[in-house]
Amino acid sequence: MGLREWALGGVLLSPFLIYVVLALLLTGLLRFVVRATPLGRWIWHEALFDTALFVCVLYLVVRSLGPL
């Protein structure tokens, strides 16, 4: 995919926006799995966990789809 801007109707969009949307979707899916399993009861601070999970997933998305 690379880190190049996307032209959408004459507006340049950062590729990071697409990475963030993908990371949000994956984080939501992972969060659903965590809540459905007994692992969810071990989470002390849910907002902090969600933020950390999003940052980790975003790192993995950028690392896997971004340029080497």
C-alpha atoms as a PDB file:
ATOM      1  CA  MET A   1       0.000   0.000   0.000  1.00  0.00           C
ATOM      2  CA  GLY A   2       2.759   2.449   0.864  1.00  0.00           C
ATOM      3  CA  LEU A   3       2.570   5.823   2.528  1.00  0.00           C
ATOM      4  CA  ARG A   4       1.327   7.945  -0.369  1.00  0.00           C
ATOM      5  CA  GLU A   5      -1.594  10.351  -0.336  1.00  0.00           C
ATOM      6  CA  TRP A   6      -4.876   9.289  -1.898  1.00  0.00           C
ATOM      7  CA  ALA A   7      -6.780  11.715  -4.107  1.00  0.00           C
ATOM      8  CA  LEU A   8     -10.509  11.570  -3.429  1.00  0.00           C
ATOM      9  CA  GLY A   9     -12.471  14.182  -5.347  1.00  0.00           C
ATOM     10  CA  GLY A  10      -9.502  16.530  -5.470  1.00  0.00           C
ATOM     11  CA  VAL A  11      -8.852  16.198  -1.741  1.00  0.00           C
ATOM     12  CA  LEU A  12      -5.652  14.511  -0.630  1.00  0.00           C
ATOM     13  CA  LEU A  13      -6.139  11.997   2.162  1.00  0.00           C
ATOM     14  CA  SER A  14      -3.356  10.711   4.335  1.00  0.00           C
ATOM     15  CA  PRO A  15      -2.835   6.942   4.206  1.00  0.00           C
ATOM     16  CA  PHE A  16      -2.643   7.073   7.984  1.00  0.00           C
ATOM     17  CA  LEU A  17      -6.394   7.784   8.010  1.00  0.00           C
ATOM     18  CA  ILE A  18      -7.024   4.436   6.337  1.00  0.00           C
ATOM     19  CA  TYR A  19      -4.693   2.720   8.796  1.00  0.00           C
ATOM     20  CA  VAL A  20      -6.558   4.306  11.723  1.00  0.00           C
ATOM     21  CA  VAL A  21      -9.958   3.187  10.404  1.00  0.00           C
ATOM     22  CA  LEU A  22      -8.666  -0.356   9.883  1.00  0.00           C
ATOM     23  CA  ALA A  23      -7.118  -0.372  13.363  1.00  0.00           C
ATOM     24  CA  LEU A  24     -10.406   0.839  14.878  1.00  0.00           C
ATOM     25  CA  LEU A  25     -12.297  -1.996  13.212  1.00  0.00           C
ATOM     26  CA  LEU A  26      -9.771  -4.586  14.365  1.00  0.00           C
ATOM     27  CA  THR A  27      -9.713  -3.132  17.878  1.00  0.00           C
ATOM     28  CA  GLY A  28     -13.493  -3.320  18.056  1.00  0.00           C
ATOM     29  CA  LEU A  29     -13.395  -6.945  16.975  1.00  0.00           C
ATOM     30  CA  LEU A  30     -10.693  -7.807  19.516  1.00  0.00           C
ATOM     31  CA  ARG A  31     -12.556  -5.931  22.240  1.00  0.00           C
ATOM     32  CA  PHE A  32     -15.705  -7.932  21.483  1.00  0.00           C
ATOM     33  CA  VAL A  33     -13.717 -11.169  21.783  1.00  0.00           C
ATOM     34  CA  VAL A  34     -12.191 -10.051  25.090  1.00  0.00           C
ATOM     35  CA  ARG A  35     -15.620  -9.174  26.519  1.00  0.00           C
ATOM     36  CA  ALA A  36     -17.083 -12.498  25.384  1.00  0.00           C
ATOM     37  CA  THR A  37     -14.395 -14.505  27.164  1.00  0.00           C
ATOM     38  CA  PRO A  38     -13.515 -14.646  30.873  1.00  0.00           C
ATOM     39  CA  LEU A  39     -10.403 -12.608  30.051  1.00  0.00           C
ATOM     40  CA  GLY A  40     -12.530  -9.460  30.239  1.00  0.00           C
ATOM     41  CA  ARG A  41     -12.960  -9.675  33.996  1.00  0.00           C
ATOM     42  CA  TRP A  42      -9.209  -9.215  34.504  1.00  0.00           C
ATOM     43  CA  ILE A  43      -9.251  -5.751  32.947  1.00  0.00           C
ATOM     44  CA  TRP A  44      -8.895  -3.172  35.683  1.00  0.00           C
ATOM     45  CA  HIS A  45      -9.283   0.091  33.713  1.00  0.00           C
ATOM     46  CA  GLU A  46     -11.288  -0.464  30.536  1.00  0.00           C
ATOM     47  CA  ALA A  47     -10.589   2.908  28.904  1.00  0.00           C
ATOM     48  CA  LEU A  48      -6.859   2.525  29.439  1.00  0.00           C
ATOM     49  CA  PHE A  49      -6.972  -1.028  28.098  1.00  0.00           C
ATOM     50  CA  ASP A  50      -8.928   0.067  25.017  1.00  0.00           C
ATOM     51  CA  THR A  51      -6.456   2.857  24.294  1.00  0.00           C
ATOM     52  CA  ALA A  52      -3.448   0.578  24.705  1.00  0.00           C
ATOM     53  CA  LEU A  53      -5.070  -2.089  22.545  1.00  0.00           C
ATOM     54  CA  PHE A  54      -5.778   0.480  19.818  1.00  0.00           C
ATOM     55  CA  VAL A  55      -2.188   1.746  19.866  1.00  0.00           C
ATOM     56  CA  CYS A  56      -0.828  -1.805  19.624  1.00  0.00           C
ATOM     57  CA  VAL A  57      -3.186  -2.730  16.790  1.00  0.00           C
ATOM     58  CA  LEU A  58      -2.394   0.524  14.964  1.00  0.00           C
ATOM     59  CA  TYR A  59       1.320  -0.250  15.235  1.00  0.00           C
ATOM     60  CA  LEU A  60       0.759  -3.722  13.782  1.00  0.00           C
ATOM     61  CA  VAL A  61      -1.380  -2.369  10.927  1.00  0.00           C
ATOM     62  CA  VAL A  62       1.155   0.303   9.975  1.00  0.00           C
ATOM     63  CA  ARG A  63       4.034  -2.141  10.343  1.00  0.00           C
ATOM     64  CA  SER A  64       2.373  -4.789   8.174  1.00  0.00           C
ATOM     65  CA  LEU A  65       0.869  -2.529   5.479  1.00  0.00           C
ATOM     66  CA  GLY A  66       3.390   0.310   5.450  1.00  0.00           C
ATOM     67  CA  PRO A  67       6.639   0.449   3.496  1.00  0.00           C
ATOM     68  CA  LEU A  68       9.646  -1.400   4.836  1.00  0.00           C
END
